[in-house]
Amino acid sequence: MAEIINFNKARKARAKAEKPIRAQENRARFGRTKAEKQAEAAEKARIAKALDDARRD
């Protein structure tokens, strides 16, 4: 005979298990300092300018 499970408890347990994974993703995505964000934006702008300058019309 199959084991009886409570779907509400299973749903909450799954959400609790996924929470640290989601937190790690958010730390990687949003957990940067203002200086790091500005440095990355400056690097992207420099690369874009280099590509535009090298483009032949």
PDB file of N, CA and C in Angstrom:
ATOM      1  N   MET A   1       0.837  -1.175   0.000  1.00  0.00           N
ATOM      2  CA  MET A   1       0.000   0.000   0.000  1.00  0.00           C
ATOM      3  C   MET A   1       0.886   1.245   0.000  1.00  0.00           C
ATOM      4  N   ALA A   2       0.439   2.270  -0.680  1.00  0.00           N
ATOM      5  CA  ALA A   2       1.216   3.493  -0.813  1.00  0.00           C
ATOM      6  C   ALA A   2       1.204   4.301   0.484  1.00  0.00           C
ATOM      7  N   GLU A   3       2.252   5.053   0.650  1.00  0.00           N
ATOM      8  CA  GLU A   3       2.344   5.904   1.833  1.00  0.00           C
ATOM      9  C   GLU A   3       1.463   7.138   1.636  1.00  0.00           C
ATOM     10  N   ILE A   4       0.707   7.481   2.635  1.00  0.00           N
ATOM     11  CA  ILE A   4      -0.177   8.645   2.562  1.00  0.00           C
ATOM     12  C   ILE A   4       0.640   9.888   2.900  1.00  0.00           C
ATOM     13  N   ILE A   5       0.520  10.896   2.031  1.00  0.00           N
ATOM     14  CA  ILE A   5       1.262  12.140   2.271  1.00  0.00           C
ATOM     15  C   ILE A   5       0.295  13.305   2.328  1.00  0.00           C
ATOM     16  N   ASN A   6       0.697  14.312   3.041  1.00  0.00           N
ATOM     17  CA  ASN A   6      -0.077  15.536   3.127  1.00  0.00           C
ATOM     18  C   ASN A   6       0.510  16.489   2.088  1.00  0.00           C
ATOM     19  N   PHE A   7      -0.265  16.830   1.068  1.00  0.00           N
ATOM     20  CA  PHE A   7       0.252  17.663  -0.015  1.00  0.00           C
ATOM     21  C   PHE A   7       0.684  19.041   0.470  1.00  0.00           C
ATOM     22  N   ASN A   8       0.000  19.577   1.452  1.00  0.00           N
ATOM     23  CA  ASN A   8       0.370  20.896   1.965  1.00  0.00           C
ATOM     24  C   ASN A   8       1.751  20.843   2.617  1.00  0.00           C
ATOM     25  N   LYS A   9       2.007  19.800   3.400  1.00  0.00           N
ATOM     26  CA  LYS A   9       3.322  19.657   4.043  1.00  0.00           C
ATOM     27  C   LYS A   9       4.399  19.381   3.002  1.00  0.00           C
ATOM     28  N   ALA A  10       4.081  18.612   1.978  1.00  0.00           N
ATOM     29  CA  ALA A  10       5.054  18.321   0.920  1.00  0.00           C
ATOM     30  C   ALA A  10       5.394  19.596   0.157  1.00  0.00           C
ATOM     31  N   ARG A  11       4.399  20.411  -0.131  1.00  0.00           N
ATOM     32  CA  ARG A  11       4.623  21.668  -0.850  1.00  0.00           C
ATOM     33  C   ARG A  11       5.503  22.591  -0.032  1.00  0.00           C
ATOM     34  N   LYS A  12       5.203  22.697   1.266  1.00  0.00           N
ATOM     35  CA  LYS A  12       5.997  23.568   2.134  1.00  0.00           C
ATOM     36  C   LYS A  12       7.421  23.045   2.294  1.00  0.00           C
ATOM     37  N   ALA A  13       7.599  21.737   2.363  1.00  0.00           N
ATOM     38  CA  ALA A  13       8.936  21.160   2.493  1.00  0.00           C
ATOM     39  C   ALA A  13       9.750  21.424   1.225  1.00  0.00           C
ATOM     40  N   ARG A  14       9.114  21.308   0.062  1.00  0.00           N
ATOM     41  CA  ARG A  14       9.817  21.569  -1.193  1.00  0.00           C
ATOM     42  C   ARG A  14      10.228  23.041  -1.272  1.00  0.00           C
ATOM     43  N   ALA A  15       9.322  23.951  -0.876  1.00  0.00           N
ATOM     44  CA  ALA A  15       9.634  25.381  -0.893  1.00  0.00           C
ATOM     45  C   ALA A  15      10.783  25.690   0.068  1.00  0.00           C
ATOM     46  N   LYS A  16      10.792  25.025   1.225  1.00  0.00           N
ATOM     47  CA  LYS A  16      11.853  25.243   2.202  1.00  0.00           C
ATOM     48  C   LYS A  16      13.194  24.740   1.673  1.00  0.00           C
ATOM     49  N   ALA A  17      13.177  23.663   0.916  1.00  0.00           N
ATOM     50  CA  ALA A  17      14.408  23.124   0.356  1.00  0.00           C
ATOM     51  C   ALA A  17      14.932  24.003  -0.781  1.00  0.00           C
ATOM     52  N   GLU A  18      14.046  24.649  -1.535  1.00  0.00           N
ATOM     53  CA  GLU A  18      14.451  25.489  -2.655  1.00  0.00           C
ATOM     54  C   GLU A  18      14.901  26.883  -2.216  1.00  0.00           C
ATOM     55  N   LYS A  19      14.522  27.289  -1.029  1.00  0.00           N
ATOM     56  CA  LYS A  19      14.826  28.637  -0.560  1.00  0.00           C
ATOM     57  C   LYS A  19      16.324  28.950  -0.527  1.00  0.00           C
ATOM     58  N   PRO A  20      17.183  28.081   0.004  1.00  0.00           N
ATOM     59  CA  PRO A  20      18.622  28.397  -0.006  1.00  0.00           C
ATOM     60  C   PRO A  20      19.205  28.498  -1.416  1.00  0.00           C
ATOM     61  N   ILE A  21      18.680  27.712  -2.335  1.00  0.00           N
ATOM     62  CA  ILE A  21      19.159  27.768  -3.717  1.00  0.00           C
ATOM     63  C   ILE A  21      18.814  29.117  -4.321  1.00  0.00           C
ATOM     64  N   ARG A  22      17.571  29.545  -4.118  1.00  0.00           N
ATOM     65  CA  ARG A  22      17.126  30.844  -4.626  1.00  0.00           C
ATOM     66  C   ARG A  22      17.918  31.976  -3.979  1.00  0.00           C
ATOM     67  N   ALA A  23      18.210  31.844  -2.696  1.00  0.00           N
ATOM     68  CA  ALA A  23      18.978  32.873  -1.987  1.00  0.00           C
ATOM     69  C   ALA A  23      20.392  32.976  -2.562  1.00  0.00           C
ATOM     70  N   GLN A  24      20.998  31.829  -2.875  1.00  0.00           N
ATOM     71  CA  GLN A  24      22.340  31.839  -3.460  1.00  0.00           C
ATOM     72  C   GLN A  24      22.322  32.522  -4.823  1.00  0.00           C
ATOM     73  N   GLU A  25      21.317  32.245  -5.638  1.00  0.00           N
ATOM     74  CA  GLU A  25      21.207  32.892  -6.950  1.00  0.00           C
ATOM     75  C   GLU A  25      21.043  34.399  -6.803  1.00  0.00           C
ATOM     76  N   ASN A  26      20.223  34.821  -5.856  1.00  0.00           N
ATOM     77  CA  ASN A  26      20.007  36.250  -5.644  1.00  0.00           C
ATOM     78  C   ASN A  26      21.268  36.941  -5.130  1.00  0.00           C
ATOM     79  N   ARG A  27      22.030  36.270  -4.279  1.00  0.00           N
ATOM     80  CA  ARG A  27      23.289  36.856  -3.798  1.00  0.00           C
ATOM     81  C   ARG A  27      24.245  37.066  -4.966  1.00  0.00           C
ATOM     82  N   ALA A  28      24.278  36.105  -5.869  1.00  0.00           N
ATOM     83  CA  ALA A  28      25.167  36.232  -7.026  1.00  0.00           C
ATOM     84  C   ALA A  28      24.684  37.331  -7.960  1.00  0.00           C
ATOM     85  N   ARG A  29      23.370  37.473  -8.105  1.00  0.00           N
ATOM     86  CA  ARG A  29      22.822  38.434  -9.057  1.00  0.00           C
ATOM     87  C   ARG A  29      22.810  39.852  -8.506  1.00  0.00           C
ATOM     88  N   PHE A  30      22.417  40.013  -7.255  1.00  0.00           N
ATOM     89  CA  PHE A  30      22.197  41.355  -6.706  1.00  0.00           C
ATOM     90  C   PHE A  30      23.175  41.741  -5.609  1.00  0.00           C
ATOM     91  N   GLY A  31      23.997  40.835  -5.167  1.00  0.00           N
ATOM     92  CA  GLY A  31      24.861  41.097  -4.024  1.00  0.00           C
ATOM     93  C   GLY A  31      26.190  41.714  -4.386  1.00  0.00           C
ATOM     94  N   ARG A  32      26.174  42.733  -5.204  1.00  0.00           N
ATOM     95  CA  ARG A  32      27.418  43.389  -5.596  1.00  0.00           C
ATOM     96  C   ARG A  32      27.431  44.812  -5.067  1.00  0.00           C
ATOM     97  N   THR A  33      28.624  45.326  -4.847  1.00  0.00           N
ATOM     98  CA  THR A  33      28.737  46.691  -4.354  1.00  0.00           C
ATOM     99  C   THR A  33      28.513  47.668  -5.497  1.00  0.00           C
ATOM    100  N   LYS A  34      28.288  48.908  -5.133  1.00  0.00           N
ATOM    101  CA  LYS A  34      28.067  49.946  -6.136  1.00  0.00           C
ATOM    102  C   LYS A  34      29.304  50.094  -7.027  1.00  0.00           C
ATOM    103  N   ALA A  35      30.477  50.007  -6.439  1.00  0.00           N
ATOM    104  CA  ALA A  35      31.720  50.134  -7.198  1.00  0.00           C
ATOM    105  C   ALA A  35      31.856  48.997  -8.210  1.00  0.00           C
ATOM    106  N   GLU A  36      31.485  47.783  -7.817  1.00  0.00           N
ATOM    107  CA  GLU A  36      31.557  46.649  -8.738  1.00  0.00           C
ATOM    108  C   GLU A  36      30.596  46.844  -9.904  1.00  0.00           C
ATOM    109  N   LYS A  37      29.395  47.329  -9.613  1.00  0.00           N
ATOM    110  CA  LYS A  37      28.416  47.585 -10.666  1.00  0.00           C
ATOM    111  C   LYS A  37      28.910  48.658 -11.626  1.00  0.00           C
ATOM    112  N   GLN A  38      29.487  49.719 -11.089  1.00  0.00           N
ATOM    113  CA  GLN A  38      29.997  50.797 -11.936  1.00  0.00           C
ATOM    114  C   GLN A  38      31.179  50.326 -12.772  1.00  0.00           C
ATOM    115  N   ALA A  39      32.047  49.502 -12.194  1.00  0.00           N
ATOM    116  CA  ALA A  39      33.197  48.986 -12.933  1.00  0.00           C
ATOM    117  C   ALA A  39      32.733  48.093 -14.080  1.00  0.00           C
ATOM    118  N   GLU A  40      31.739  47.265 -13.826  1.00  0.00           N
ATOM    119  CA  GLU A  40      31.220  46.402 -14.887  1.00  0.00           C
ATOM    120  C   GLU A  40      30.566  47.227 -15.987  1.00  0.00           C
ATOM    121  N   ALA A  41      29.803  48.250 -15.613  1.00  0.00           N
ATOM    122  CA  ALA A  41      29.162  49.112 -16.606  1.00  0.00           C
ATOM    123  C   ALA A  41      30.211  49.840 -17.445  1.00  0.00           C
ATOM    124  N   ALA A  42      31.276  50.317 -16.809  1.00  0.00           N
ATOM    125  CA  ALA A  42      32.344  51.001 -17.537  1.00  0.00           C
ATOM    126  C   ALA A  42      33.038  50.048 -18.500  1.00  0.00           C
ATOM    127  N   GLU A  43      33.258  48.806 -18.073  1.00  0.00           N
ATOM    128  CA  GLU A  43      33.896  47.810 -18.935  1.00  0.00           C
ATOM    129  C   GLU A  43      33.007  47.484 -20.137  1.00  0.00           C
ATOM    130  N   LYS A  44      31.705  47.348 -19.903  1.00  0.00           N
ATOM    131  CA  LYS A  44      30.777  47.086 -21.009  1.00  0.00           C
ATOM    132  C   LYS A  44      30.756  48.259 -21.983  1.00  0.00           C
ATOM    133  N   ALA A  45      30.775  49.469 -21.461  1.00  0.00           N
ATOM    134  CA  ALA A  45      30.774  50.655 -22.316  1.00  0.00           C
ATOM    135  C   ALA A  45      32.070  50.725 -23.128  1.00  0.00           C
ATOM    136  N   ARG A  46      33.201  50.392 -22.502  1.00  0.00           N
ATOM    137  CA  ARG A  46      34.481  50.408 -23.205  1.00  0.00           C
ATOM    138  C   ARG A  46      34.491  49.390 -24.340  1.00  0.00           C
ATOM    139  N   ILE A  47      33.966  48.206 -24.079  1.00  0.00           N
ATOM    140  CA  ILE A  47      33.918  47.162 -25.105  1.00  0.00           C
ATOM    141  C   ILE A  47      32.990  47.580 -26.248  1.00  0.00           C
ATOM    142  N   ALA A  48      31.831  48.139 -25.906  1.00  0.00           N
ATOM    143  CA  ALA A  48      30.888  48.584 -26.935  1.00  0.00           C
ATOM    144  C   ALA A  48      31.498  49.683 -27.787  1.00  0.00           C
ATOM    145  N   LYS A  49      32.221  50.613 -27.169  1.00  0.00           N
ATOM    146  CA  LYS A  49      32.857  51.707 -27.921  1.00  0.00           C
ATOM    147  C   LYS A  49      33.944  51.161 -28.836  1.00  0.00           C
ATOM    148  N   ALA A  50      34.709  50.203 -28.338  1.00  0.00           N
ATOM    149  CA  ALA A  50      35.770  49.601 -29.159  1.00  0.00           C
ATOM    150  C   ALA A  50      35.174  48.908 -30.380  1.00  0.00           C
ATOM    151  N   LEU A  51      34.048  48.226 -30.190  1.00  0.00           N
ATOM    152  CA  LEU A  51      33.396  47.559 -31.313  1.00  0.00           C
ATOM    153  C   LEU A  51      32.842  48.566 -32.316  1.00  0.00           C
ATOM    154  N   ASP A  52      32.243  49.636 -31.807  1.00  0.00           N
ATOM    155  CA  ASP A  52      31.692  50.655 -32.699  1.00  0.00           C
ATOM    156  C   ASP A  52      32.794  51.384 -33.463  1.00  0.00           C
ATOM    157  N   ASP A  53      33.913  51.630 -32.795  1.00  0.00           N
ATOM    158  CA  ASP A  53      35.014  52.320 -33.453  1.00  0.00           C
ATOM    159  C   ASP A  53      35.654  51.454 -34.538  1.00  0.00           C
ATOM    160  N   ALA A  54      35.632  50.126 -34.338  1.00  0.00           N
ATOM    161  CA  ALA A  54      36.252  49.216 -35.291  1.00  0.00           C
ATOM    162  C   ALA A  54      35.320  48.880 -36.456  1.00  0.00           C
ATOM    163  N   ARG A  55      34.074  49.258 -36.352  1.00  0.00           N
ATOM    164  CA  ARG A  55      33.101  48.918 -37.387  1.00  0.00           C
ATOM    165  C   ARG A  55      33.399  49.699 -38.681  1.00  0.00           C
ATOM    166  N   ARG A  56      33.308  49.000 -39.779  1.00  0.00           N
ATOM    167  CA  ARG A  56      33.523  49.636 -41.068  1.00  0.00           C
ATOM    168  C   ARG A  56      32.154  49.898 -41.698  1.00  0.00           C
ATOM    169  N   ASP A  57      31.991  51.070 -42.274  1.00  0.00           N
ATOM    170  CA  ASP A  57      30.711  51.406 -42.886  1.00  0.00           C
ATOM    171  C   ASP A  57      30.648  51.024 -44.327  1.00  0.00           C
TER     172      ASP A  57
END
